[in-house]
């Protein structure tokens, strides 16, 4: 869990929302903020990351490499290989 949280915190992710959904009683408070999150459960008792964009979530991942890939797939949209914005082009 810590490695996944650290990875997300190390990224510049403008216009993003990050939610931590603990299991059990501790997680019920966040379910009141975002109804859909109650359906996003841990897989196999492991920390599980759901990366979503435009109301659709990628398949959940339970490893750091999968989380990095899912974030990269979303966060690189709108940027060319040199890191220049392609918005408005």
N, C-alpha and C. Protein backbone atom coordinates (compact mmCIF):
# COMPACT_ATOMS: atom_id res chain seq x y z
N UNK A 1 0.82 -1.19 0.00
CA UNK A 1 0.00 0.00 0.00
C UNK A 1 0.87 1.26 0.00
N UNK A 2 1.86 1.30 0.88
CA UNK A 2 2.71 2.49 0.98
C UNK A 2 3.41 2.78 -0.34
N UNK A 3 3.92 1.75 -1.01
CA UNK A 3 4.62 1.96 -2.28
C UNK A 3 3.67 2.56 -3.33
N UNK A 4 2.43 2.11 -3.35
CA UNK A 4 1.46 2.65 -4.30
C UNK A 4 1.12 4.10 -3.97
N UNK A 5 0.90 4.40 -2.71
CA UNK A 5 0.60 5.77 -2.31
C UNK A 5 1.79 6.67 -2.62
N UNK A 6 3.00 6.20 -2.32
CA UNK A 6 4.20 6.98 -2.61
C UNK A 6 4.32 7.25 -4.11
N UNK A 7 4.01 6.27 -4.94
CA UNK A 7 4.08 6.45 -6.40
C UNK A 7 3.11 7.53 -6.85
N UNK A 8 1.89 7.47 -6.39
CA UNK A 8 0.89 8.47 -6.77
C UNK A 8 1.34 9.85 -6.29
N UNK A 9 1.83 9.93 -5.06
CA UNK A 9 2.26 11.22 -4.50
C UNK A 9 3.49 11.79 -5.20
N UNK A 10 4.25 10.94 -5.87
CA UNK A 10 5.46 11.42 -6.55
C UNK A 10 5.16 12.00 -7.93
N UNK A 11 3.93 11.85 -8.39
CA UNK A 11 3.55 12.27 -9.74
C UNK A 11 2.90 13.65 -9.72
N UNK A 12 3.08 14.38 -10.83
CA UNK A 12 2.33 15.60 -11.07
C UNK A 12 1.09 15.19 -11.84
N UNK A 13 -0.05 15.21 -11.19
CA UNK A 13 -1.29 14.74 -11.78
C UNK A 13 -2.36 15.82 -11.68
N UNK A 14 -2.25 16.86 -12.50
CA UNK A 14 -3.25 17.92 -12.45
C UNK A 14 -4.63 17.40 -12.84
N UNK A 15 -5.63 18.04 -12.32
CA UNK A 15 -7.03 17.66 -12.60
C UNK A 15 -7.31 16.21 -12.23
N UNK A 16 -6.68 15.74 -11.17
CA UNK A 16 -6.87 14.37 -10.72
C UNK A 16 -7.43 14.35 -9.31
N UNK A 17 -8.13 13.29 -9.01
CA UNK A 17 -8.65 13.05 -7.68
C UNK A 17 -8.10 11.72 -7.21
N UNK A 18 -7.54 11.70 -6.03
CA UNK A 18 -7.00 10.47 -5.46
C UNK A 18 -7.78 10.18 -4.19
N UNK A 19 -8.30 8.96 -4.10
CA UNK A 19 -9.06 8.55 -2.91
C UNK A 19 -8.45 7.27 -2.35
N UNK A 20 -8.34 7.23 -1.04
CA UNK A 20 -7.86 6.04 -0.36
C UNK A 20 -9.06 5.40 0.31
N UNK A 21 -9.31 4.14 -0.04
CA UNK A 21 -10.48 3.42 0.47
C UNK A 21 -10.01 2.28 1.36
N UNK A 22 -10.01 2.54 2.65
CA UNK A 22 -9.65 1.49 3.60
C UNK A 22 -10.79 0.47 3.65
N UNK A 23 -10.49 -0.72 4.11
CA UNK A 23 -11.53 -1.74 4.23
C UNK A 23 -12.27 -1.59 5.56
N UNK A 24 -13.47 -2.12 5.59
CA UNK A 24 -14.23 -2.15 6.83
C UNK A 24 -14.80 -0.80 7.23
N UNK A 25 -14.97 -0.64 8.53
CA UNK A 25 -15.59 0.56 9.09
C UNK A 25 -14.83 1.83 8.69
N UNK A 26 -13.51 1.76 8.64
CA UNK A 26 -12.70 2.93 8.29
C UNK A 26 -12.98 3.42 6.87
N UNK A 27 -13.38 2.54 5.98
CA UNK A 27 -13.62 2.91 4.59
C UNK A 27 -15.01 3.46 4.31
N UNK A 28 -15.91 3.34 5.25
CA UNK A 28 -17.28 3.78 4.99
C UNK A 28 -17.41 5.29 4.80
N UNK A 29 -16.56 6.06 5.44
CA UNK A 29 -16.64 7.52 5.31
C UNK A 29 -16.40 7.96 3.87
N UNK A 30 -15.42 7.39 3.19
CA UNK A 30 -15.13 7.78 1.81
C UNK A 30 -16.25 7.33 0.87
N UNK A 31 -16.95 6.27 1.24
CA UNK A 31 -18.06 5.81 0.41
C UNK A 31 -19.18 6.85 0.39
N UNK A 32 -19.27 7.67 1.45
CA UNK A 32 -20.26 8.73 1.47
C UNK A 32 -19.89 9.89 0.55
N UNK A 33 -18.61 10.04 0.27
CA UNK A 33 -18.13 11.10 -0.62
C UNK A 33 -18.29 10.68 -2.07
N UNK A 34 -18.02 9.42 -2.33
CA UNK A 34 -18.06 8.91 -3.70
C UNK A 34 -18.72 7.53 -3.69
N UNK A 35 -19.94 7.47 -4.15
CA UNK A 35 -20.73 6.24 -4.08
C UNK A 35 -20.08 5.07 -4.82
N UNK A 36 -19.48 5.32 -5.98
CA UNK A 36 -18.96 4.22 -6.79
C UNK A 36 -17.79 3.51 -6.13
N UNK A 37 -17.11 4.17 -5.21
CA UNK A 37 -15.91 3.58 -4.63
C UNK A 37 -16.22 2.34 -3.78
N UNK A 38 -17.46 2.22 -3.31
CA UNK A 38 -17.77 1.05 -2.48
C UNK A 38 -17.69 -0.25 -3.27
N UNK A 39 -17.71 -0.17 -4.59
CA UNK A 39 -17.61 -1.37 -5.41
C UNK A 39 -16.16 -1.70 -5.77
N UNK A 40 -15.26 -0.83 -5.44
CA UNK A 40 -13.84 -1.05 -5.73
C UNK A 40 -13.18 -1.67 -4.51
N UNK A 41 -13.01 -2.97 -4.57
CA UNK A 41 -12.53 -3.74 -3.43
C UNK A 41 -11.10 -4.20 -3.65
N UNK A 42 -10.44 -4.52 -2.55
CA UNK A 42 -9.10 -5.11 -2.62
C UNK A 42 -9.22 -6.51 -3.24
N UNK A 43 -8.21 -6.89 -3.98
CA UNK A 43 -8.19 -8.20 -4.62
C UNK A 43 -7.19 -9.09 -3.89
N UNK A 44 -7.66 -10.23 -3.45
CA UNK A 44 -6.77 -11.19 -2.79
C UNK A 44 -6.12 -10.66 -1.53
N UNK A 45 -6.77 -9.71 -0.87
CA UNK A 45 -6.22 -9.14 0.35
C UNK A 45 -5.03 -8.22 0.13
N UNK A 46 -4.76 -7.87 -1.13
CA UNK A 46 -3.63 -7.00 -1.47
C UNK A 46 -4.11 -5.57 -1.72
N UNK A 47 -3.19 -4.63 -1.56
CA UNK A 47 -3.49 -3.25 -1.95
C UNK A 47 -3.85 -3.27 -3.44
N UNK A 48 -4.92 -2.60 -3.78
CA UNK A 48 -5.42 -2.64 -5.16
C UNK A 48 -5.67 -1.21 -5.63
N UNK A 49 -5.17 -0.90 -6.82
CA UNK A 49 -5.32 0.45 -7.37
C UNK A 49 -6.27 0.41 -8.56
N UNK A 50 -7.20 1.35 -8.55
CA UNK A 50 -8.13 1.56 -9.66
C UNK A 50 -7.81 2.92 -10.26
N UNK A 51 -7.44 2.95 -11.52
CA UNK A 51 -7.14 4.21 -12.22
C UNK A 51 -8.27 4.43 -13.22
N UNK A 52 -8.95 5.55 -13.07
CA UNK A 52 -10.15 5.81 -13.87
C UNK A 52 -9.98 7.12 -14.64
N UNK A 53 -10.67 7.18 -15.76
CA UNK A 53 -10.67 8.38 -16.59
C UNK A 53 -12.00 8.45 -17.32
N UNK A 54 -12.61 9.61 -17.29
CA UNK A 54 -13.89 9.82 -17.98
C UNK A 54 -14.92 8.76 -17.60
N UNK A 55 -15.04 8.51 -16.31
CA UNK A 55 -16.05 7.61 -15.75
C UNK A 55 -15.83 6.14 -16.10
N UNK A 56 -14.65 5.79 -16.57
CA UNK A 56 -14.31 4.40 -16.85
C UNK A 56 -13.01 4.06 -16.17
N UNK A 57 -12.99 2.90 -15.52
CA UNK A 57 -11.78 2.47 -14.81
C UNK A 57 -11.06 1.39 -15.59
N UNK A 58 -9.75 1.47 -15.55
CA UNK A 58 -8.93 0.41 -16.10
C UNK A 58 -9.07 -0.80 -15.17
N UNK A 59 -8.60 -1.94 -15.61
CA UNK A 59 -8.63 -3.11 -14.74
C UNK A 59 -7.81 -2.82 -13.49
N UNK A 60 -8.29 -3.26 -12.34
CA UNK A 60 -7.54 -3.00 -11.11
C UNK A 60 -6.21 -3.74 -11.11
N UNK A 61 -5.22 -3.15 -10.44
CA UNK A 61 -3.89 -3.75 -10.36
C UNK A 61 -3.48 -3.87 -8.90
N UNK A 62 -2.67 -4.87 -8.63
CA UNK A 62 -2.22 -5.11 -7.26
C UNK A 62 -0.70 -5.01 -7.14
N UNK A 63 -0.05 -4.50 -8.18
CA UNK A 63 1.41 -4.36 -8.12
C UNK A 63 1.81 -2.97 -8.59
N UNK A 64 2.98 -2.55 -8.17
CA UNK A 64 3.47 -1.21 -8.47
C UNK A 64 3.68 -0.99 -9.96
N UNK A 65 4.18 -1.98 -10.66
CA UNK A 65 4.41 -1.85 -12.11
C UNK A 65 3.10 -1.59 -12.85
N UNK A 66 2.04 -2.30 -12.46
CA UNK A 66 0.74 -2.10 -13.09
C UNK A 66 0.18 -0.72 -12.82
N UNK A 67 0.37 -0.23 -11.59
CA UNK A 67 -0.08 1.11 -11.25
C UNK A 67 0.66 2.15 -12.08
N UNK A 68 1.98 2.02 -12.17
CA UNK A 68 2.78 2.96 -12.97
C UNK A 68 2.30 2.99 -14.41
N UNK A 69 2.06 1.82 -14.98
CA UNK A 69 1.61 1.75 -16.38
C UNK A 69 0.25 2.43 -16.55
N UNK A 70 -0.68 2.15 -15.65
CA UNK A 70 -2.01 2.75 -15.77
C UNK A 70 -1.96 4.27 -15.63
N UNK A 71 -1.14 4.76 -14.71
CA UNK A 71 -1.00 6.21 -14.57
C UNK A 71 -0.34 6.80 -15.81
N UNK A 72 0.71 6.15 -16.29
CA UNK A 72 1.40 6.64 -17.49
C UNK A 72 0.46 6.71 -18.68
N UNK A 73 -0.38 5.70 -18.85
CA UNK A 73 -1.31 5.66 -19.98
C UNK A 73 -2.25 6.86 -19.97
N UNK A 74 -2.65 7.29 -18.80
CA UNK A 74 -3.56 8.43 -18.69
C UNK A 74 -2.80 9.75 -18.68
N UNK A 75 -1.74 9.83 -17.88
CA UNK A 75 -1.08 11.12 -17.69
C UNK A 75 -0.29 11.58 -18.91
N UNK A 76 0.04 10.70 -19.83
CA UNK A 76 0.80 11.11 -21.01
C UNK A 76 -0.10 11.57 -22.15
N UNK A 77 -1.40 11.43 -22.01
CA UNK A 77 -2.30 11.94 -23.04
C UNK A 77 -2.18 13.45 -23.06
N UNK A 78 -2.03 14.01 -24.24
CA UNK A 78 -1.92 15.46 -24.37
C UNK A 78 -0.48 15.94 -24.36
N UNK A 79 0.49 15.03 -24.34
CA UNK A 79 1.91 15.40 -24.32
C UNK A 79 2.66 14.58 -25.37
N UNK A 80 3.59 15.20 -26.07
CA UNK A 80 4.40 14.45 -27.04
C UNK A 80 5.59 13.83 -26.32
N UNK A 81 6.43 13.10 -27.06
CA UNK A 81 7.56 12.38 -26.47
C UNK A 81 8.58 13.31 -25.83
N UNK A 82 8.63 14.56 -26.24
CA UNK A 82 9.57 15.53 -25.67
C UNK A 82 9.01 16.25 -24.45
N UNK A 83 7.76 15.92 -24.08
CA UNK A 83 7.14 16.54 -22.92
C UNK A 83 6.43 17.85 -23.24
N UNK A 84 6.19 18.11 -24.52
CA UNK A 84 5.50 19.33 -24.94
C UNK A 84 4.00 19.07 -25.05
N UNK A 85 3.22 20.03 -24.64
CA UNK A 85 1.77 19.90 -24.69
C UNK A 85 1.28 19.81 -26.13
N UNK A 86 0.33 18.92 -26.36
CA UNK A 86 -0.30 18.82 -27.68
C UNK A 86 -1.73 19.34 -27.63
N UNK A 87 -2.12 19.93 -26.50
CA UNK A 87 -3.46 20.48 -26.38
C UNK A 87 -3.60 21.66 -27.34
N UNK A 88 -4.68 21.69 -28.06
CA UNK A 88 -4.96 22.78 -28.98
C UNK A 88 -4.26 22.65 -30.31
N UNK A 89 -3.53 21.57 -30.52
CA UNK A 89 -2.87 21.39 -31.82
C UNK A 89 -3.77 20.73 -32.81
